[in-house]
Protein backbone atom coordinates (compact mmCIF):
# COMPACT_ATOMS: atom_id res chain seq x y z
CA MET A 1 -166.56 -95.95 22.06
CA VAL A 2 -165.20 -98.41 24.55
CA GLY A 3 -162.27 -96.15 25.48
CA THR A 4 -164.57 -93.18 26.12
CA SER A 5 -166.99 -95.25 28.22
CA PHE A 6 -164.12 -96.63 30.33
CA ALA A 7 -162.76 -93.12 30.94
CA SER A 8 -166.21 -91.87 31.91
CA ASP A 9 -166.59 -94.74 34.39
CA LEU A 10 -163.30 -93.75 36.01
CA PHE A 11 -164.35 -90.17 36.44
CA GLU A 12 -167.67 -91.28 37.94
CA VAL A 13 -166.03 -93.11 40.89
CA PRO A 14 -167.37 -91.54 44.14
CA GLY A 15 -164.90 -89.20 45.82
CA SER A 16 -164.61 -91.25 49.03
CA LEU A 17 -163.86 -94.43 47.07
CA ALA A 18 -161.34 -92.66 44.88
CA ALA A 19 -159.61 -91.28 47.97
CA GLY A 20 -159.58 -94.74 49.50
CA LEU A 21 -158.08 -96.28 46.39
CA LEU A 22 -155.46 -93.53 46.27
CA CYS A 23 -154.51 -94.23 49.90
CA ILE A 24 -154.13 -97.94 49.14
CA VAL A 25 -151.92 -97.21 46.13
CA LEU A 26 -149.77 -94.81 48.15
CA ALA A 27 -149.45 -97.35 50.97
CA LEU A 28 -148.32 -100.01 48.51
CA LEU A 29 -145.77 -97.63 46.99
CA CYS A 30 -144.43 -96.76 50.45
CA ALA A 31 -144.11 -100.44 51.31
CA ILE A 32 -142.17 -101.07 48.11
CA VAL A 33 -139.85 -98.14 48.80
CA MET A 34 -139.27 -99.18 52.43
CA ARG A 35 -138.56 -102.74 51.35
CA ALA A 36 -136.03 -101.46 48.83
CA ARG A 37 -134.39 -99.37 51.54
CA LYS A 38 -134.22 -102.20 54.07
CA ALA A 39 -130.68 -103.19 55.01
CA SER A 40 -129.45 -106.65 54.10
CA CYS A 41 -126.56 -108.73 55.38
CA VAL A 42 -124.83 -111.81 53.98
CA VAL A 43 -122.40 -113.99 55.93
CA VAL A 44 -119.93 -115.75 53.65
CA ALA A 45 -117.85 -118.76 54.68
CA ASP A 46 -114.55 -118.74 52.80
CA ASP A 47 -112.27 -121.67 51.91
CA PHE A 48 -114.92 -124.30 51.13
CA GLY A 49 -112.95 -127.27 49.80
CA ILE A 50 -109.61 -126.53 51.44
CA SER A 51 -110.00 -129.71 53.52
CA LEU A 52 -112.69 -132.29 54.28
CA GLU A 53 -113.28 -131.21 57.87
CA ARG A 54 -113.43 -127.53 57.10
CA SER A 55 -115.92 -128.28 54.32
CA ARG A 56 -118.07 -130.41 56.62
CA GLY A 57 -118.12 -127.59 59.13
CA ILE A 58 -119.22 -125.12 56.47
CA VAL A 59 -122.05 -127.43 55.42
CA LEU A 60 -123.13 -127.55 59.07
CA ALA A 61 -122.99 -123.76 59.25
CA LEU A 62 -125.10 -123.42 56.11
CA LYS A 63 -127.67 -125.95 57.28
CA GLY A 64 -127.81 -124.36 60.72
CA GLY A 65 -128.35 -120.87 59.37
CA VAL A 66 -125.05 -119.58 60.74
CA VAL A 67 -123.84 -118.49 57.32
CA THR A 68 -125.79 -117.58 54.21
CA CYS A 69 -123.41 -118.72 51.46
CA THR A 70 -119.91 -120.04 50.85
CA SER A 71 -117.15 -119.81 48.25
CA VAL A 72 -115.20 -122.85 47.08
CA MET A 73 -111.44 -122.90 46.60
CA ALA A 74 -110.92 -124.68 43.28
CA ASN A 75 -107.36 -125.73 44.14
CA GLY A 76 -108.27 -126.96 47.63
CA ASP A 77 -107.39 -130.53 48.59
CA ALA A 78 -111.10 -131.39 49.03
CA ALA A 79 -112.67 -129.09 46.45
CA VAL A 80 -114.44 -131.83 44.49
CA GLU A 81 -115.68 -133.46 47.69
CA ALA A 82 -116.96 -130.09 48.93
CA ILE A 83 -119.05 -129.61 45.81
CA GLU A 84 -120.50 -133.09 46.24
CA MET A 85 -121.36 -132.31 49.87
CA ALA A 86 -123.16 -129.15 48.78
CA ARG A 87 -125.03 -131.06 46.09
CA GLU A 88 -126.04 -133.82 48.52
CA HIS A 89 -127.48 -131.31 50.98
CA GLY A 90 -129.21 -129.15 48.38
CA LEU A 91 -126.86 -126.22 48.96
CA LEU A 92 -125.23 -125.90 45.55
CA HIS A 93 -127.09 -122.68 44.79
CA LEU A 94 -125.33 -121.08 47.77
CA VAL A 95 -121.82 -121.76 46.45
CA GLY A 96 -119.61 -119.24 44.66
CA LEU A 97 -115.92 -119.23 43.74
CA HIS A 98 -113.10 -118.33 46.15
CA LEU A 99 -110.48 -117.21 43.63
CA ASN A 100 -107.03 -118.23 44.86
CA LEU A 101 -103.92 -116.71 43.30
CA THR A 102 -101.75 -116.88 46.41
CA GLU A 103 -101.62 -120.29 48.10
CA GLY A 104 -101.49 -123.93 47.09
CA ARG A 105 -100.98 -124.97 43.47
CA PRO A 106 -102.34 -123.52 40.23
CA VAL A 107 -105.36 -125.05 38.52
CA SER A 108 -104.11 -124.04 35.08
CA ASP A 109 -101.12 -125.50 33.25
CA PRO A 110 -98.11 -124.12 35.19
CA SER A 111 -96.34 -123.30 31.93
CA ARG A 112 -99.09 -120.79 31.12
CA VAL A 113 -98.81 -118.85 34.41
CA PRO A 114 -95.07 -118.73 35.22
CA SER A 115 -95.12 -115.31 36.86
CA LEU A 116 -97.55 -116.53 39.53
CA LEU A 117 -95.21 -119.30 40.67
CA LEU A 118 -92.27 -119.74 43.02
CA GLU A 119 -88.95 -120.89 41.69
CA GLU A 120 -88.50 -124.66 41.67
CA GLY A 121 -87.54 -125.96 45.11
CA GLU A 122 -88.80 -122.95 47.07
CA THR A 123 -91.11 -123.43 50.06
CA GLN A 124 -94.42 -121.60 50.03
CA SER A 125 -94.43 -119.13 52.90
CA GLY A 126 -97.52 -119.32 55.10
CA THR A 127 -98.41 -122.90 54.15
CA GLU A 128 -94.94 -124.49 54.18
CA LEU A 129 -95.91 -126.52 51.12
CA LYS A 130 -93.00 -127.91 49.11
CA GLY A 131 -92.53 -129.65 45.80
CA GLY A 132 -94.05 -129.12 42.39
CA PRO A 133 -95.39 -125.84 41.01
CA LEU A 134 -96.53 -123.58 43.85
CA LEU A 135 -98.13 -120.15 43.96
CA ARG A 136 -96.03 -117.41 45.59
CA GLY A 137 -97.87 -117.22 48.94
CA LYS A 138 -99.81 -114.31 50.41
CA MET A 139 -96.98 -111.81 50.84
CA GLY A 140 -94.96 -113.19 47.94
CA TYR A 141 -97.91 -112.52 45.63
CA ARG A 142 -98.32 -108.96 46.86
CA THR A 143 -94.61 -108.21 46.66
CA ALA A 144 -94.40 -109.59 43.13
CA CYS A 145 -97.47 -107.61 42.04
CA ALA A 146 -95.97 -104.42 43.45
CA SER A 147 -92.64 -104.98 41.67
CA GLY A 148 -94.24 -105.81 38.34
CA ALA A 149 -93.03 -109.41 38.44
CA ILE A 150 -96.55 -110.81 38.05
CA ARG A 151 -98.11 -110.48 34.63
CA ALA A 152 -101.80 -109.57 34.73
CA GLU A 153 -102.33 -111.95 31.81
CA ASP A 154 -101.14 -114.85 34.00
CA ALA A 155 -103.56 -113.87 36.76
CA ALA A 156 -106.38 -113.73 34.21
CA GLU A 157 -105.37 -117.16 32.83
CA GLU A 158 -105.47 -118.75 36.29
CA ALA A 159 -108.77 -117.02 37.12
CA LEU A 160 -110.30 -118.39 33.93
CA ALA A 161 -109.03 -121.90 34.75
CA GLN A 162 -110.67 -121.73 38.18
CA LEU A 163 -113.93 -120.42 36.70
CA ARG A 164 -113.94 -123.29 34.21
CA TRP A 165 -113.24 -125.75 37.02
CA PHE A 166 -116.31 -124.38 38.81
CA GLU A 167 -118.43 -124.67 35.69
CA LYS A 168 -117.30 -128.27 35.14
CA HIS A 169 -118.10 -129.42 38.68
CA VAL A 170 -121.14 -127.27 39.49
CA GLY A 171 -122.74 -127.15 36.05
CA ARG A 172 -122.77 -123.36 35.75
CA MET A 173 -120.50 -120.38 36.17
CA PRO A 174 -120.47 -118.81 39.65
CA HIS A 175 -122.81 -115.92 40.34
CA PHE A 176 -120.34 -114.45 42.82
CA VAL A 177 -116.56 -114.56 43.20
CA ASP A 178 -114.41 -113.37 46.09
CA GLY A 179 -110.65 -113.49 46.47
CA HIS A 180 -108.53 -115.59 48.81
CA GLN A 181 -106.52 -113.09 50.86
CA HIS A 182 -108.20 -110.39 48.76
CA CYS A 183 -106.03 -111.25 45.75
CA HIS A 184 -108.60 -109.83 43.31
CA VAL A 185 -108.40 -106.18 44.44
CA VAL A 186 -104.62 -105.78 44.01
CA PRO A 187 -104.03 -102.91 41.54
CA ALA A 188 -101.74 -104.87 39.21
CA VAL A 189 -104.40 -107.43 38.28
CA ARG A 190 -107.87 -106.12 39.12
CA GLU A 191 -108.73 -104.68 35.70
CA GLN A 192 -107.95 -107.94 33.93
CA LEU A 193 -109.75 -109.97 36.58
CA ALA A 194 -112.83 -107.76 36.34
CA SER A 195 -112.89 -108.37 32.60
CA VAL A 196 -112.59 -112.14 33.06
CA PHE A 197 -115.35 -112.15 35.70
CA ALA A 198 -117.70 -110.13 33.50
CA ALA A 199 -117.12 -112.37 30.47
CA ALA A 200 -117.99 -115.40 32.61
CA GLY A 201 -121.25 -113.84 33.78
CA VAL A 202 -120.15 -113.17 37.36
CA ARG A 203 -122.59 -110.66 38.87
CA HIS A 204 -121.16 -109.95 42.32
CA THR A 205 -117.77 -109.73 44.01
CA ARG A 206 -116.40 -108.82 47.42
CA ILE A 207 -115.08 -105.33 48.12
CA PRO A 208 -113.27 -105.67 51.48
CA THR A 209 -113.36 -102.09 52.73
CA GLU A 210 -114.91 -101.08 56.07
CA ARG A 211 -116.64 -97.79 56.73
CA LYS A 212 -115.37 -96.23 59.97
CA PRO A 213 -113.85 -99.44 61.42
CA PRO A 214 -114.31 -99.69 65.19
CA MET A 215 -110.60 -100.29 65.77
CA THR A 216 -107.30 -99.59 64.06
CA LEU A 217 -106.63 -101.88 61.10
CA CYS A 218 -103.44 -103.93 60.94
CA PRO A 219 -100.91 -102.68 58.34
CA LEU A 220 -101.87 -105.23 55.68
CA CYS A 221 -105.60 -104.70 56.24
CA SER A 222 -105.07 -100.95 55.90
CA VAL A 223 -103.55 -101.53 52.46
CA VAL A 224 -106.37 -103.90 51.47
CA ASP A 225 -108.96 -101.37 52.63
CA VAL A 226 -107.58 -98.68 50.30
CA GLU A 227 -107.08 -101.07 47.37
CA ALA A 228 -110.62 -102.40 47.72
CA GLU A 229 -112.30 -99.01 47.63
CA GLN A 230 -110.37 -98.19 44.45
CA ALA A 231 -111.30 -101.59 43.00
CA ARG A 232 -115.02 -100.98 43.53
CA ALA A 233 -115.17 -98.63 40.54
CA THR A 234 -113.18 -101.07 38.40
CA PHE A 235 -115.58 -103.96 38.98
CA SER A 236 -118.63 -101.72 38.79
CA ALA A 237 -117.51 -100.49 35.35
CA HIS A 238 -117.69 -104.12 34.22
CA GLY A 239 -121.23 -104.52 35.58
CA ILE A 240 -120.19 -106.39 38.73
CA SER A 241 -121.90 -105.33 41.95
CA SER A 242 -120.76 -105.57 45.57
CA CYS A 243 -122.11 -105.00 49.07
CA ALA A 244 -121.69 -101.42 50.24
CA GLY A 245 -120.37 -102.48 53.65
CA PHE A 246 -117.95 -105.17 54.77
CA VAL A 247 -116.87 -106.74 58.06
CA GLY A 248 -113.70 -108.83 58.14
CA LEU A 249 -110.80 -106.40 58.50
CA SER A 250 -111.37 -104.54 61.78
CA LEU A 251 -111.63 -107.76 63.82
CA CYS A 252 -108.47 -109.20 62.30
CA GLY A 253 -106.82 -111.51 64.84
CA VAL A 254 -109.06 -110.27 67.66
CA ASP A 255 -110.93 -112.31 70.29
CA TYR A 256 -114.21 -110.46 69.95
CA SER A 257 -117.58 -110.81 71.64
CA PRO A 258 -120.93 -111.33 69.91
CA ASP A 259 -121.80 -107.73 70.72
CA GLU A 260 -118.62 -106.52 69.02
CA LEU A 261 -119.48 -108.50 65.89
CA VAL A 262 -122.98 -107.07 65.74
CA ASN A 263 -121.59 -103.60 66.43
CA ALA A 264 -119.15 -103.96 63.54
CA VAL A 265 -122.08 -104.64 61.20
CA ALA A 266 -124.19 -101.89 62.76
CA THR A 267 -121.32 -99.46 62.20
CA GLN A 268 -121.47 -100.18 58.48
CA LEU A 269 -125.21 -99.50 58.45
CA ARG A 270 -124.96 -96.35 60.53
CA HIS A 271 -122.51 -94.92 58.02
CA GLY A 272 -124.77 -95.41 55.03
CA ALA A 273 -124.26 -99.00 53.88
CA ARG A 274 -127.59 -100.58 52.95
CA SER A 275 -125.94 -103.97 52.45
CA CYS A 276 -123.12 -105.63 54.34
CA GLU A 277 -120.98 -108.71 53.78
CA VAL A 278 -119.47 -110.50 56.78
CA MET A 279 -116.48 -112.73 56.01
CA VAL A 280 -115.88 -115.77 58.24
CA HIS A 281 -113.87 -119.01 58.16
CA PRO A 282 -115.81 -121.71 60.04
CA GLY A 283 -114.99 -125.40 59.98
CA LEU A 284 -114.60 -128.59 61.98
CA PRO A 285 -111.25 -129.50 63.57
CA ASP A 286 -109.09 -132.03 61.77
CA SER A 287 -110.17 -135.56 62.65
CA ASP A 288 -108.03 -138.68 62.86
CA ASP A 289 -109.29 -139.61 59.39
CA ASN A 290 -108.05 -136.33 58.02
CA ALA A 291 -104.88 -135.90 60.09
CA ALA A 292 -102.64 -136.95 57.23
CA GLN A 293 -103.95 -134.12 55.08
CA PRO A 294 -105.02 -131.16 57.22
CA ALA A 295 -105.86 -127.78 55.77
CA TRP A 296 -102.64 -126.06 54.70
CA ASP A 297 -103.58 -122.54 55.78
CA ASP A 298 -103.32 -120.73 59.12
CA PHE A 299 -106.60 -122.21 60.33
CA GLY A 300 -105.25 -125.73 59.96
CA ARG A 301 -102.46 -125.05 62.43
CA CYS A 302 -104.28 -123.26 65.27
CA ALA A 303 -106.34 -124.46 68.21
CA PRO A 304 -110.07 -124.33 67.43
CA GLN A 305 -112.85 -122.94 69.56
CA SER A 306 -115.86 -125.26 69.31
CA HIS A 307 -119.48 -124.15 69.71
CA PRO A 308 -122.64 -126.25 69.25
CA ILE A 309 -124.76 -125.44 66.23
CA PRO A 310 -128.52 -125.36 66.87
CA GLY A 311 -130.27 -127.93 64.70
CA ALA A 312 -127.06 -129.38 63.29
CA PRO A 313 -128.13 -131.88 60.60
CA LEU A 314 -125.17 -134.25 61.01
CA PRO A 315 -125.28 -135.91 64.48
CA SER A 316 -121.75 -137.28 64.08
CA THR A 317 -120.35 -133.74 63.86
CA PRO A 318 -122.37 -131.74 66.42
CA SER A 319 -120.16 -128.71 66.89
CA LEU A 320 -118.56 -126.05 64.74
CA ALA A 321 -114.91 -125.21 65.14
CA ALA A 322 -114.26 -121.50 64.82
CA PRO A 323 -110.46 -121.28 64.96
CA ARG A 324 -108.56 -118.15 65.77
CA ASP A 325 -107.63 -116.30 62.63
CA PRO A 326 -104.24 -114.69 63.29
CA ALA A 327 -103.63 -113.67 59.72
CA THR A 328 -106.50 -112.31 57.73
CA THR A 329 -109.98 -112.07 59.21
CA LEU A 330 -112.26 -112.65 62.16
CA ARG A 331 -113.14 -115.74 64.14
CA VAL A 332 -116.63 -116.72 65.26
CA ALA A 333 -116.80 -116.22 69.04
CA ASN A 334 -120.36 -117.51 69.23
CA VAL A 335 -122.47 -118.95 66.43
CA GLY A 336 -125.47 -117.11 67.82
CA ALA A 337 -123.69 -113.85 67.10
CA LEU A 338 -124.03 -114.41 63.38
CA LYS A 339 -127.78 -114.92 63.65
CA SER A 340 -127.96 -111.80 65.82
CA CYS A 341 -125.93 -110.02 63.19
CA LEU A 342 -128.42 -110.96 60.51
CA THR A 343 -131.36 -109.92 62.68
CA ALA A 344 -129.76 -106.60 63.52
CA ALA A 345 -129.02 -105.86 59.89
CA ARG A 346 -132.47 -106.79 58.63
CA THR A 347 -134.33 -104.79 61.25
CA SER A 348 -132.09 -101.72 61.17
CA PRO A 349 -134.06 -98.56 60.25
């Protein structure tokens, strides 16, 4: 029989050859295991679409290898233009959604999300926007969530509207979603948001909690850190994964060196994280063409620090502005630090 003959042939393989084949198989298995254990790092540029110049800077950062992906703010003033930039440069596959429930204006019909909004005539704290339906602002959102004033159903409605906006303009639902000012991990809304993400096919989200941060977290970041770790189980239960490590809280508002950035990532890896997400907010400074409509967040009102990007593809915009970030996350002290960060993460034992 064919089966018997084949088995006999196997058993007749000379011992030295069999041992050699076994060694090769074991070596391949070891390589697979080591590859699976290898640390990985992603650098995510937030706020794509908040303004034209910030979006152009993010495109430069993506093309130059400074960041690995970006998330678009659906209610940003230049959101549609940002998507077109990404499409033009072949970067659309690197774009996810930056869910925004705190600043700017809602994407959904305001009448369907009343608890997310300020009262008519109020000024949005943090952006100083006025007029029309406005979201509550960073601290206003958190305060309203804590008091029970925000209905989780309204947050889910707005999240769905932003996901549909993404699908309309990109042609698919986002593979990953993170939250502007970490709005998605707040206890009052995270269960409903996780359900909406899962139904839309979102596979990955940000969990902004740092293992053994190298410095004391600011009060708000301390709250976010605790909320995020609790939220990890919520999103995981809905089949949504996240990086085990995160950098973007401990360097909040700090003028840090490249070594400190790399050390922040290395700290995550040393304490067991096999994957790490680094959150950054790169961009170009507002130009004369864009002066009438600058970005409405903290970055749009602070002096930038400009650094040349190696191999920048757009000669007319040769440097990346990495503004101080006094409110929420880190600033890029040196674009080379991000590449070093990636190298350090990928070669870490």
